[in-house]
PDB file of all heavy atoms in Angstrom:
ATOM      1  N   HIS A   1      -0.278   0.371  12.640  1.00  0.00           N
ATOM      2  CA  HIS A   1      -1.419   0.149  11.753  1.00  0.00           C
ATOM      3  C   HIS A   1      -1.166   0.808  10.399  1.00  0.00           C
ATOM      4  O   HIS A   1      -0.081   1.365  10.136  1.00  0.00           O
ATOM      5  CB  HIS A   1      -2.717   0.651  12.388  1.00  0.00           C
ATOM      6  CG  HIS A   1      -2.671   2.083  12.840  1.00  0.00           C
ATOM      7  ND1 HIS A   1      -2.589   3.138  11.962  1.00  0.00           N
ATOM      8  CD2 HIS A   1      -2.702   2.629  14.088  1.00  0.00           C
ATOM      9  CE1 HIS A   1      -2.592   4.267  12.626  1.00  0.00           C
ATOM     10  NE2 HIS A   1      -2.650   4.004  13.920  1.00  0.00           N
ATOM     11  N   CYS A   2      -2.170   0.748   9.509  1.00  0.00           N
ATOM     12  CA  CYS A   2      -1.973   1.119   8.105  1.00  0.00           C
ATOM     13  C   CYS A   2      -1.507   2.557   7.915  1.00  0.00           C
ATOM     14  O   CYS A   2      -0.740   2.844   6.983  1.00  0.00           O
ATOM     15  CB  CYS A   2      -3.262   0.880   7.319  1.00  0.00           C
ATOM     16  SG  CYS A   2      -4.710   1.746   7.961  1.00  0.00           S
ATOM     17  N   GLU A   3      -1.921   3.483   8.793  1.00  0.00           N
ATOM     18  CA  GLU A   3      -1.524   4.872   8.600  1.00  0.00           C
ATOM     19  C   GLU A   3      -0.034   5.070   8.853  1.00  0.00           C
ATOM     20  O   GLU A   3       0.592   5.941   8.245  1.00  0.00           O
ATOM     21  CB  GLU A   3      -2.361   5.791   9.489  1.00  0.00           C
ATOM     22  CG  GLU A   3      -3.811   5.906   9.018  1.00  0.00           C
ATOM     23  CD  GLU A   3      -4.572   7.000   9.718  1.00  0.00           C
ATOM     24  OE1 GLU A   3      -4.160   7.375  10.839  1.00  0.00           O
ATOM     25  OE2 GLU A   3      -5.575   7.487   9.151  1.00  0.00           O
ATOM     26  N   TYR A   4       0.541   4.268   9.742  1.00  0.00           N
ATOM     27  CA  TYR A   4       1.995   4.327   9.935  1.00  0.00           C
ATOM     28  C   TYR A   4       2.710   3.869   8.665  1.00  0.00           C
ATOM     29  O   TYR A   4       3.678   4.490   8.213  1.00  0.00           O
ATOM     30  CB  TYR A   4       2.417   3.443  11.112  1.00  0.00           C
ATOM     31  CG  TYR A   4       2.152   4.047  12.468  1.00  0.00           C
ATOM     32  CD1 TYR A   4       1.021   3.695  13.202  1.00  0.00           C
ATOM     33  CD2 TYR A   4       3.036   4.968  13.030  1.00  0.00           C
ATOM     34  CE1 TYR A   4       0.774   4.239  14.444  1.00  0.00           C
ATOM     35  CE2 TYR A   4       2.794   5.522  14.283  1.00  0.00           C
ATOM     36  CZ  TYR A   4       1.652   5.153  14.982  1.00  0.00           C
ATOM     37  OH  TYR A   4       1.407   5.694  16.217  1.00  0.00           O
ATOM     38  N   PHE A   5       2.243   2.772   8.084  1.00  0.00           N
ATOM     39  CA  PHE A   5       2.896   2.227   6.896  1.00  0.00           C
ATOM     40  C   PHE A   5       2.766   3.174   5.696  1.00  0.00           C
ATOM     41  O   PHE A   5       3.742   3.411   4.978  1.00  0.00           O
ATOM     42  CB  PHE A   5       2.303   0.857   6.547  1.00  0.00           C
ATOM     43  CG  PHE A   5       2.757  -0.243   7.471  1.00  0.00           C
ATOM     44  CD1 PHE A   5       2.016  -0.577   8.596  1.00  0.00           C
ATOM     45  CD2 PHE A   5       3.926  -0.940   7.211  1.00  0.00           C
ATOM     46  CE1 PHE A   5       2.440  -1.590   9.447  1.00  0.00           C
ATOM     47  CE2 PHE A   5       4.358  -1.960   8.050  1.00  0.00           C
ATOM     48  CZ  PHE A   5       3.612  -2.277   9.179  1.00  0.00           C
ATOM     49  N   SER A   6       1.561   3.694   5.471  1.00  0.00           N
ATOM     50  CA  SER A   6       1.374   4.583   4.320  1.00  0.00           C
ATOM     51  C   SER A   6       2.151   5.880   4.490  1.00  0.00           C
ATOM     52  O   SER A   6       2.762   6.385   3.530  1.00  0.00           O
ATOM     53  CB  SER A   6      -0.117   4.862   4.113  1.00  0.00           C
ATOM     54  OG  SER A   6      -0.689   5.469   5.249  1.00  0.00           O
ATOM     55  N   THR A   7       2.155   6.438   5.701  1.00  0.00           N
ATOM     56  CA  THR A   7       2.915   7.664   5.943  1.00  0.00           C
ATOM     57  C   THR A   7       4.407   7.428   5.750  1.00  0.00           C
ATOM     58  O   THR A   7       5.107   8.238   5.129  1.00  0.00           O
ATOM     59  CB  THR A   7       2.651   8.181   7.366  1.00  0.00           C
ATOM     60  OG1 THR A   7       1.251   8.420   7.522  1.00  0.00           O
ATOM     61  CG2 THR A   7       3.409   9.470   7.627  1.00  0.00           C
ATOM     62  N   ALA A   8       4.905   6.305   6.276  1.00  0.00           N
ATOM     63  CA  ALA A   8       6.328   5.986   6.136  1.00  0.00           C
ATOM     64  C   ALA A   8       6.712   5.883   4.663  1.00  0.00           C
ATOM     65  O   ALA A   8       7.719   6.449   4.227  1.00  0.00           O
ATOM     66  CB  ALA A   8       6.643   4.685   6.863  1.00  0.00           C
ATOM     67  N   MET A   9       5.920   5.184   3.856  1.00  0.00           N
ATOM     68  CA  MET A   9       6.253   5.000   2.452  1.00  0.00           C
ATOM     69  C   MET A   9       6.218   6.326   1.696  1.00  0.00           C
ATOM     70  O   MET A   9       7.115   6.614   0.879  1.00  0.00           O
ATOM     71  CB  MET A   9       5.291   4.007   1.802  1.00  0.00           C
ATOM     72  CG  MET A   9       5.607   3.754   0.336  1.00  0.00           C
ATOM     73  SD  MET A   9       4.594   2.432  -0.384  1.00  0.00           S
ATOM     74  CE  MET A   9       5.193   2.473  -2.086  1.00  0.00           C
ATOM     75  N   ALA A  10       5.194   7.151   1.949  1.00  0.00           N
ATOM     76  CA  ALA A  10       5.091   8.424   1.253  1.00  0.00           C
ATOM     77  C   ALA A  10       6.282   9.329   1.569  1.00  0.00           C
ATOM     78  O   ALA A  10       6.874   9.942   0.671  1.00  0.00           O
ATOM     79  CB  ALA A  10       3.775   9.114   1.612  1.00  0.00           C
ATOM     80  N   VAL A  11       6.650   9.425   2.840  1.00  0.00           N
ATOM     81  CA  VAL A  11       7.783  10.268   3.226  1.00  0.00           C
ATOM     82  C   VAL A  11       9.089   9.727   2.658  1.00  0.00           C
ATOM     83  O   VAL A  11       9.925  10.481   2.127  1.00  0.00           O
ATOM     84  CB  VAL A  11       7.862  10.383   4.768  1.00  0.00           C
ATOM     85  CG1 VAL A  11       9.165  11.053   5.191  1.00  0.00           C
ATOM     86  CG2 VAL A  11       6.671  11.169   5.298  1.00  0.00           C
ATOM     87  N   MET A  12       9.290   8.414   2.726  1.00  0.00           N
ATOM     88  CA  MET A  12      10.522   7.822   2.206  1.00  0.00           C
ATOM     89  C   MET A  12      10.654   8.054   0.701  1.00  0.00           C
ATOM     90  O   MET A  12      11.747   8.335   0.196  1.00  0.00           O
ATOM     91  CB  MET A  12      10.552   6.331   2.541  1.00  0.00           C
ATOM     92  CG  MET A  12      10.689   6.064   4.041  1.00  0.00           C
ATOM     93  SD  MET A  12      10.378   4.338   4.502  1.00  0.00           S
ATOM     94  CE  MET A  12      11.914   3.590   3.988  1.00  0.00           C
ATOM     95  N   LEU A  13       9.551   7.932  -0.044  1.00  0.00           N
ATOM     96  CA  LEU A  13       9.612   8.196  -1.478  1.00  0.00           C
ATOM     97  C   LEU A  13       9.919   9.669  -1.755  1.00  0.00           C
ATOM     98  O   LEU A  13      10.699   9.996  -2.656  1.00  0.00           O
ATOM     99  CB  LEU A  13       8.292   7.800  -2.139  1.00  0.00           C
ATOM    100  CG  LEU A  13       8.052   6.302  -2.316  1.00  0.00           C
ATOM    101  CD1 LEU A  13       6.631   6.038  -2.818  1.00  0.00           C
ATOM    102  CD2 LEU A  13       9.060   5.701  -3.306  1.00  0.00           C
ATOM    103  N   ARG A  14       9.310  10.556  -0.993  1.00  0.00           N
ATOM    104  CA  ARG A  14       9.553  11.983  -1.208  1.00  0.00           C
ATOM    105  C   ARG A  14      11.007  12.368  -0.941  1.00  0.00           C
ATOM    106  O   ARG A  14      11.529  13.278  -1.592  1.00  0.00           O
ATOM    107  CB  ARG A  14       8.601  12.806  -0.332  1.00  0.00           C
ATOM    108  CG  ARG A  14       7.145  12.732  -0.765  1.00  0.00           C
ATOM    109  CD  ARG A  14       6.274  13.666   0.057  1.00  0.00           C
ATOM    110  NE  ARG A  14       4.877  13.612  -0.364  1.00  0.00           N
ATOM    111  CZ  ARG A  14       3.941  14.472   0.035  1.00  0.00           C
ATOM    112  NH1 ARG A  14       4.275  15.453   0.860  1.00  0.00           N
ATOM    113  NH2 ARG A  14       2.703  14.358  -0.391  1.00  0.00           N
ATOM    114  N   THR A  15      11.648  11.679  -0.003  1.00  0.00           N
ATOM    115  CA  THR A  15      13.066  11.991   0.252  1.00  0.00           C
ATOM    116  C   THR A  15      13.924  11.675  -0.960  1.00  0.00           C
ATOM    117  O   THR A  15      15.044  12.187  -1.080  1.00  0.00           O
ATOM    118  CB  THR A  15      13.600  11.204   1.463  1.00  0.00           C
ATOM    119  OG1 THR A  15      13.553   9.794   1.178  1.00  0.00           O
ATOM    120  CG2 THR A  15      12.810  11.507   2.717  1.00  0.00           C
ATOM    121  N   HIS A  16      13.416  10.852  -1.892  1.00  0.00           N
ATOM    122  CA  HIS A  16      14.167  10.492  -3.089  1.00  0.00           C
ATOM    123  C   HIS A  16      13.505  11.039  -4.359  1.00  0.00           C
ATOM    124  O   HIS A  16      13.674  10.484  -5.449  1.00  0.00           O
ATOM    125  CB  HIS A  16      14.330   8.974  -3.171  1.00  0.00           C
ATOM    126  CG  HIS A  16      15.398   8.458  -2.268  1.00  0.00           C
ATOM    127  ND1 HIS A  16      15.288   8.492  -0.891  1.00  0.00           N
ATOM    128  CD2 HIS A  16      16.636   7.955  -2.521  1.00  0.00           C
ATOM    129  CE1 HIS A  16      16.376   7.993  -0.342  1.00  0.00           C
ATOM    130  NE2 HIS A  16      17.219   7.676  -1.315  1.00  0.00           N
ATOM    131  N   GLY A  17      12.741  12.103  -4.188  1.00  0.00           N
ATOM    132  CA  GLY A  17      12.214  12.819  -5.345  1.00  0.00           C
ATOM    133  C   GLY A  17      11.082  12.143  -6.075  1.00  0.00           C
ATOM    134  O   GLY A  17      10.867  12.419  -7.268  1.00  0.00           O
ATOM    135  N   VAL A  18      10.355  11.265  -5.418  1.00  0.00           N
ATOM    136  CA  VAL A  18       9.214  10.589  -6.035  1.00  0.00           C
ATOM    137  C   VAL A  18       7.928  11.184  -5.454  1.00  0.00           C
ATOM    138  O   VAL A  18       7.718  11.136  -4.232  1.00  0.00           O
ATOM    139  CB  VAL A  18       9.262   9.071  -5.802  1.00  0.00           C
ATOM    140  CG1 VAL A  18       8.044   8.403  -6.433  1.00  0.00           C
ATOM    141  CG2 VAL A  18      10.545   8.486  -6.370  1.00  0.00           C
ATOM    142  N   ALA A  19       7.072  11.724  -6.310  1.00  0.00           N
ATOM    143  CA  ALA A  19       5.831  12.352  -5.858  1.00  0.00           C
ATOM    144  C   ALA A  19       4.856  11.299  -5.347  1.00  0.00           C
ATOM    145  O   ALA A  19       4.510  10.364  -6.081  1.00  0.00           O
ATOM    146  CB  ALA A  19       5.193  13.148  -7.002  1.00  0.00           C
ATOM    147  N   ALA A  20       4.422  11.433  -4.108  1.00  0.00           N
ATOM    148  CA  ALA A  20       3.538  10.440  -3.485  1.00  0.00           C
ATOM    149  C   ALA A  20       2.548  11.132  -2.563  1.00  0.00           C
ATOM    150  O   ALA A  20       2.802  12.230  -2.064  1.00  0.00           O
ATOM    151  CB  ALA A  20       4.360   9.406  -2.713  1.00  0.00           C
ATOM    152  N   ARG A  21       1.417  10.464  -2.348  1.00  0.00           N
ATOM    153  CA  ARG A  21       0.413  10.984  -1.423  1.00  0.00           C
ATOM    154  C   ARG A  21      -0.220   9.836  -0.655  1.00  0.00           C
ATOM    155  O   ARG A  21      -0.240   8.694  -1.126  1.00  0.00           O
ATOM    156  CB  ARG A  21      -0.658  11.775  -2.160  1.00  0.00           C
ATOM    157  CG  ARG A  21      -1.537  10.954  -3.107  1.00  0.00           C
ATOM    158  CD  ARG A  21      -2.499  11.839  -3.879  1.00  0.00           C
ATOM    159  NE  ARG A  21      -3.375  11.061  -4.772  1.00  0.00           N
ATOM    160  CZ  ARG A  21      -4.214  11.598  -5.645  1.00  0.00           C
ATOM    161  NH1 ARG A  21      -4.306  12.911  -5.760  1.00  0.00           N
ATOM    162  NH2 ARG A  21      -4.988  10.830  -6.412  1.00  0.00           N
ATOM    163  N   VAL A  22      -0.753  10.142   0.524  1.00  0.00           N
ATOM    164  CA  VAL A  22      -1.447   9.168   1.362  1.00  0.00           C
ATOM    165  C   VAL A  22      -2.945   9.253   1.068  1.00  0.00           C
ATOM    166  O   VAL A  22      -3.509  10.345   0.968  1.00  0.00           O
ATOM    167  CB  VAL A  22      -1.181   9.434   2.855  1.00  0.00           C
ATOM    168  CG1 VAL A  22      -2.031   8.513   3.739  1.00  0.00           C
ATOM    169  CG2 VAL A  22       0.302   9.236   3.165  1.00  0.00           C
ATOM    170  N   VAL A  23      -3.581   8.098   0.916  1.00  0.00           N
ATOM    171  CA  VAL A  23      -5.015   8.039   0.622  1.00  0.00           C
ATOM    172  C   VAL A  23      -5.715   7.291   1.751  1.00  0.00           C
ATOM    173  O   VAL A  23      -5.269   6.216   2.161  1.00  0.00           O
ATOM    174  CB  VAL A  23      -5.280   7.309  -0.716  1.00  0.00           C
ATOM    175  CG1 VAL A  23      -6.768   7.326  -1.039  1.00  0.00           C
ATOM    176  CG2 VAL A  23      -4.480   7.949  -1.836  1.00  0.00           C
ATOM    177  N   ASN A  24      -6.805   7.859   2.232  1.00  0.00           N
ATOM    178  CA  ASN A  24      -7.645   7.194   3.232  1.00  0.00           C
ATOM    179  C   ASN A  24      -8.954   6.764   2.580  1.00  0.00           C
ATOM    180  O   ASN A  24      -9.573   7.546   1.850  1.00  0.00           O
ATOM    181  CB  ASN A  24      -7.947   8.121   4.407  1.00  0.00           C
ATOM    182  CG  ASN A  24      -6.725   8.356   5.261  1.00  0.00           C
ATOM    183  OD1 ASN A  24      -5.922   7.451   5.481  1.00  0.00           O
ATOM    184  ND2 ASN A  24      -6.553   9.581   5.735  1.00  0.00           N
ATOM    185  N   GLY A  25      -9.357   5.546   2.839  1.00  0.00           N
ATOM    186  CA  GLY A  25     -10.614   5.057   2.272  1.00  0.00           C
ATOM    187  C   GLY A  25     -10.992   3.734   2.894  1.00  0.00           C
ATOM    188  O   GLY A  25     -10.806   3.537   4.102  1.00  0.00           O
TER     189      GLY A  25
END
């Protein structure tokens, strides 16, 4: 579900030095 996708993207971006956060709404 959506939390898996958002968490995956945020972590993957952070591994490459891109500041990201997960938002719930």
